[in-house]
Amino acid sequence: MSPFITTDTARSRAKIALLLLGSAAVMAAGAANAASPHSDVPTFVVKYSAASLTTDAGVNDLYRRIMYAAKRVCPDPSIRDFDARRQVEECRNQAVARAIRQIDNSQLAALYAVRSKNG
């Protein structure tokens, strides 16, 4: 399991906190693999319960929150800097893809595949 996913087993229902790494980790070669929770890389924690992924509404809600988190850790640059905009879009795409892989839920992966294909 990735060091960026933590499970709180002290509670009756397990909550998993997923850290989305920001643009500094994605844009620097290999930094995403080397980053630790203690680095100064922008992160955003998305908490969810495994039980919430048993419903379509729960899966859709988590997907929406992952997209929001990616926008927070990879903020928009100046509108006139097209290269920076491309890098931000790549940062967001990689952050979302990494989160989906880490969660490893077939319904969430299917939703991601449909949404990322359609834009």
C-alpha atoms as a PDB file:
ATOM      1  CA  MET A   1       0.000   0.000   0.000  1.00  0.00           C
ATOM      2  CA  SER A   2       1.223   3.479  -0.810  1.00  0.00           C
ATOM      3  CA  PRO A   3       2.540   5.684   2.001  1.00  0.00           C
ATOM      4  CA  PHE A   4       0.084   8.340   0.824  1.00  0.00           C
ATOM      5  CA  ILE A   5      -2.935   6.332   1.969  1.00  0.00           C
ATOM      6  CA  THR A   6      -3.494   5.926   5.667  1.00  0.00           C
ATOM      7  CA  THR A   7      -6.127   3.855   7.392  1.00  0.00           C
ATOM      8  CA  ASP A   8      -7.574   4.824  10.744  1.00  0.00           C
ATOM      9  CA  THR A   9      -8.436   1.485  12.335  1.00  0.00           C
ATOM     10  CA  ALA A  10      -9.217   3.010  15.722  1.00  0.00           C
ATOM     11  CA  ARG A  11     -12.750   3.825  14.601  1.00  0.00           C
ATOM     12  CA  SER A  12     -15.517   1.339  13.873  1.00  0.00           C
ATOM     13  CA  ARG A  13     -15.616   2.228  10.201  1.00  0.00           C
ATOM     14  CA  ALA A  14     -12.280   2.609   8.544  1.00  0.00           C
ATOM     15  CA  LYS A  15     -11.591   5.957   6.963  1.00  0.00           C
ATOM     16  CA  ILE A  16      -8.879   6.272   4.416  1.00  0.00           C
ATOM     17  CA  ALA A  17      -7.176   9.598   3.841  1.00  0.00           C
ATOM     18  CA  LEU A  18      -5.823  10.055   0.372  1.00  0.00           C
ATOM     19  CA  LEU A  19      -3.187  12.685  -0.278  1.00  0.00           C
ATOM     20  CA  LEU A  20      -3.136  14.248  -3.716  1.00  0.00           C
ATOM     21  CA  LEU A  21       0.270  15.608  -4.583  1.00  0.00           C
ATOM     22  CA  GLY A  22       0.510  19.013  -6.170  1.00  0.00           C
ATOM     23  CA  SER A  23       2.212  20.409  -9.205  1.00  0.00           C
ATOM     24  CA  ALA A  24       5.679  20.434  -7.663  1.00  0.00           C
ATOM     25  CA  ALA A  25       5.607  16.657  -7.326  1.00  0.00           C
ATOM     26  CA  VAL A  26       4.096  15.983 -10.715  1.00  0.00           C
ATOM     27  CA  MET A  27       6.195  18.379 -12.759  1.00  0.00           C
ATOM     28  CA  ALA A  28       9.535  17.384 -11.244  1.00  0.00           C
ATOM     29  CA  ALA A  29      10.814  14.121 -12.702  1.00  0.00           C
ATOM     30  CA  GLY A  30      10.410  11.342 -10.196  1.00  0.00           C
ATOM     31  CA  ALA A  31       9.352  13.619  -7.365  1.00  0.00           C
ATOM     32  CA  ALA A  32       5.937  12.013  -6.995  1.00  0.00           C
ATOM     33  CA  ASN A  33       7.555   8.687  -6.188  1.00  0.00           C
ATOM     34  CA  ALA A  34      10.041  10.214  -3.781  1.00  0.00           C
ATOM     35  CA  ALA A  35       7.690  12.589  -1.975  1.00  0.00           C
ATOM     36  CA  SER A  36       6.799  11.921   1.614  1.00  0.00           C
ATOM     37  CA  PRO A  37       3.946  13.283   3.722  1.00  0.00           C
ATOM     38  CA  HIS A  38       6.504  15.504   5.479  1.00  0.00           C
ATOM     39  CA  SER A  39       7.763  17.248   2.340  1.00  0.00           C
ATOM     40  CA  ASP A  40       6.671  20.724   1.320  1.00  0.00           C
ATOM     41  CA  VAL A  41       4.714  19.394  -1.689  1.00  0.00           C
ATOM     42  CA  PRO A  42       1.138  20.739  -1.748  1.00  0.00           C
ATOM     43  CA  THR A  43      -1.348  18.092  -0.623  1.00  0.00           C
ATOM     44  CA  PHE A  44      -5.068  17.851  -0.064  1.00  0.00           C
ATOM     45  CA  VAL A  45      -6.602  15.084   2.031  1.00  0.00           C
ATOM     46  CA  VAL A  46      -9.739  13.413   0.712  1.00  0.00           C
ATOM     47  CA  LYS A  47     -11.374  11.252   3.379  1.00  0.00           C
ATOM     48  CA  TYR A  48     -13.873   8.544   2.581  1.00  0.00           C
ATOM     49  CA  SER A  49     -15.137   5.288   3.989  1.00  0.00           C
ATOM     50  CA  ALA A  50     -15.052   1.977   2.170  1.00  0.00           C
ATOM     51  CA  ALA A  51     -18.804   1.709   2.786  1.00  0.00           C
ATOM     52  CA  SER A  52     -19.420   4.894   0.800  1.00  0.00           C
ATOM     53  CA  LEU A  53     -18.046   3.174  -2.302  1.00  0.00           C
ATOM     54  CA  THR A  54     -20.841   0.607  -2.289  1.00  0.00           C
ATOM     55  CA  THR A  55     -23.321   3.054  -3.822  1.00  0.00           C
ATOM     56  CA  ASP A  56     -23.313   4.994  -7.084  1.00  0.00           C
ATOM     57  CA  ALA A  57     -23.945   8.201  -5.160  1.00  0.00           C
ATOM     58  CA  GLY A  58     -20.955   7.546  -2.911  1.00  0.00           C
ATOM     59  CA  VAL A  59     -18.676   6.799  -5.864  1.00  0.00           C
ATOM     60  CA  ASN A  60     -19.832   9.936  -7.695  1.00  0.00           C
ATOM     61  CA  ASP A  61     -19.314  12.050  -4.578  1.00  0.00           C
ATOM     62  CA  LEU A  62     -15.784  10.744  -4.052  1.00  0.00           C
ATOM     63  CA  TYR A  63     -14.924  11.343  -7.715  1.00  0.00           C
ATOM     64  CA  ARG A  64     -16.198  14.911  -7.448  1.00  0.00           C
ATOM     65  CA  ARG A  65     -14.128  15.492  -4.305  1.00  0.00           C
ATOM     66  CA  ILE A  66     -10.999  14.038  -5.944  1.00  0.00           C
ATOM     67  CA  MET A  67     -11.454  16.426  -8.876  1.00  0.00           C
ATOM     68  CA  TYR A  68     -11.850  19.340  -6.446  1.00  0.00           C
ATOM     69  CA  ALA A  69      -8.710  18.286  -4.565  1.00  0.00           C
ATOM     70  CA  ALA A  70      -6.709  18.111  -7.805  1.00  0.00           C
ATOM     71  CA  LYS A  71      -7.763  21.678  -8.587  1.00  0.00           C
ATOM     72  CA  ARG A  72      -6.635  22.779  -5.130  1.00  0.00           C
ATOM     73  CA  VAL A  73      -3.162  21.213  -5.344  1.00  0.00           C
ATOM     74  CA  CYS A  74      -2.646  22.231  -8.980  1.00  0.00           C
ATOM     75  CA  PRO A  75      -4.017  25.800  -9.094  1.00  0.00           C
ATOM     76  CA  ASP A  76      -4.575  27.789 -12.272  1.00  0.00           C
ATOM     77  CA  PRO A  77      -1.662  29.900 -13.484  1.00  0.00           C
ATOM     78  CA  SER A  78      -1.899  33.081 -15.487  1.00  0.00           C
ATOM     79  CA  ILE A  79      -4.365  32.716 -18.361  1.00  0.00           C
ATOM     80  CA  ARG A  80      -1.765  34.050 -20.796  1.00  0.00           C
ATOM     81  CA  ASP A  81       0.867  31.434 -19.947  1.00  0.00           C
ATOM     82  CA  PHE A  82      -0.268  28.544 -22.145  1.00  0.00           C
ATOM     83  CA  ASP A  83       2.702  26.334 -21.253  1.00  0.00           C
ATOM     84  CA  ALA A  84       1.906  26.708 -17.552  1.00  0.00           C
ATOM     85  CA  ARG A  85      -1.761  25.924 -18.235  1.00  0.00           C
ATOM     86  CA  ARG A  86      -0.712  22.714 -19.991  1.00  0.00           C
ATOM     87  CA  GLN A  87       1.485  21.773 -17.029  1.00  0.00           C
ATOM     88  CA  VAL A  88      -1.347  22.447 -14.581  1.00  0.00           C
ATOM     89  CA  GLU A  89      -3.716  20.279 -16.626  1.00  0.00           C
ATOM     90  CA  GLU A  90      -1.128  17.490 -16.654  1.00  0.00           C
ATOM     91  CA  CYS A  91      -0.638  17.907 -12.902  1.00  0.00           C
ATOM     92  CA  ARG A  92      -4.373  17.542 -12.319  1.00  0.00           C
ATOM     93  CA  ASN A  93      -4.660  14.549 -14.632  1.00  0.00           C
ATOM     94  CA  GLN A  94      -1.806  12.766 -12.904  1.00  0.00           C
ATOM     95  CA  ALA A  95      -3.092  13.592  -9.416  1.00  0.00           C
ATOM     96  CA  VAL A  96      -6.554  12.227 -10.223  1.00  0.00           C
ATOM     97  CA  ALA A  97      -5.173   9.120 -11.954  1.00  0.00           C
ATOM     98  CA  ARG A  98      -2.886   8.420  -8.986  1.00  0.00           C
ATOM     99  CA  ALA A  99      -5.769   8.810  -6.539  1.00  0.00           C
ATOM    100  CA  ILE A 100      -7.972   6.440  -8.545  1.00  0.00           C
ATOM    101  CA  ARG A 101      -5.184   3.833  -8.643  1.00  0.00           C
ATOM    102  CA  GLN A 102      -4.536   4.161  -4.910  1.00  0.00           C
ATOM    103  CA  ILE A 103      -8.185   3.711  -3.994  1.00  0.00           C
ATOM    104  CA  ASP A 104      -8.414   0.630  -6.224  1.00  0.00           C
ATOM    105  CA  ASN A 105     -12.207   0.480  -6.574  1.00  0.00           C
ATOM    106  CA  SER A 106     -13.653  -0.899  -9.822  1.00  0.00           C
ATOM    107  CA  GLN A 107     -16.716   1.387  -9.808  1.00  0.00           C
ATOM    108  CA  LEU A 108     -14.577   4.484  -9.249  1.00  0.00           C
ATOM    109  CA  ALA A 109     -12.121   3.368 -11.943  1.00  0.00           C
ATOM    110  CA  ALA A 110     -14.984   2.834 -14.406  1.00  0.00           C
ATOM    111  CA  LEU A 111     -16.402   6.295 -13.662  1.00  0.00           C
ATOM    112  CA  TYR A 112     -12.944   7.815 -14.118  1.00  0.00           C
ATOM    113  CA  ALA A 113     -12.484   6.004 -17.446  1.00  0.00           C
ATOM    114  CA  VAL A 114     -15.790   7.326 -18.771  1.00  0.00           C
ATOM    115  CA  ARG A 115     -15.292  10.877 -17.531  1.00  0.00           C
ATOM    116  CA  SER A 116     -11.667  11.197 -18.628  1.00  0.00           C
ATOM    117  CA  LYS A 117     -12.542   9.825 -22.067  1.00  0.00           C
ATOM    118  CA  ASN A 118     -15.375  12.352 -22.496  1.00  0.00           C
ATOM    119  CA  GLY A 119     -13.396  15.263 -21.097  1.00  0.00           C
END
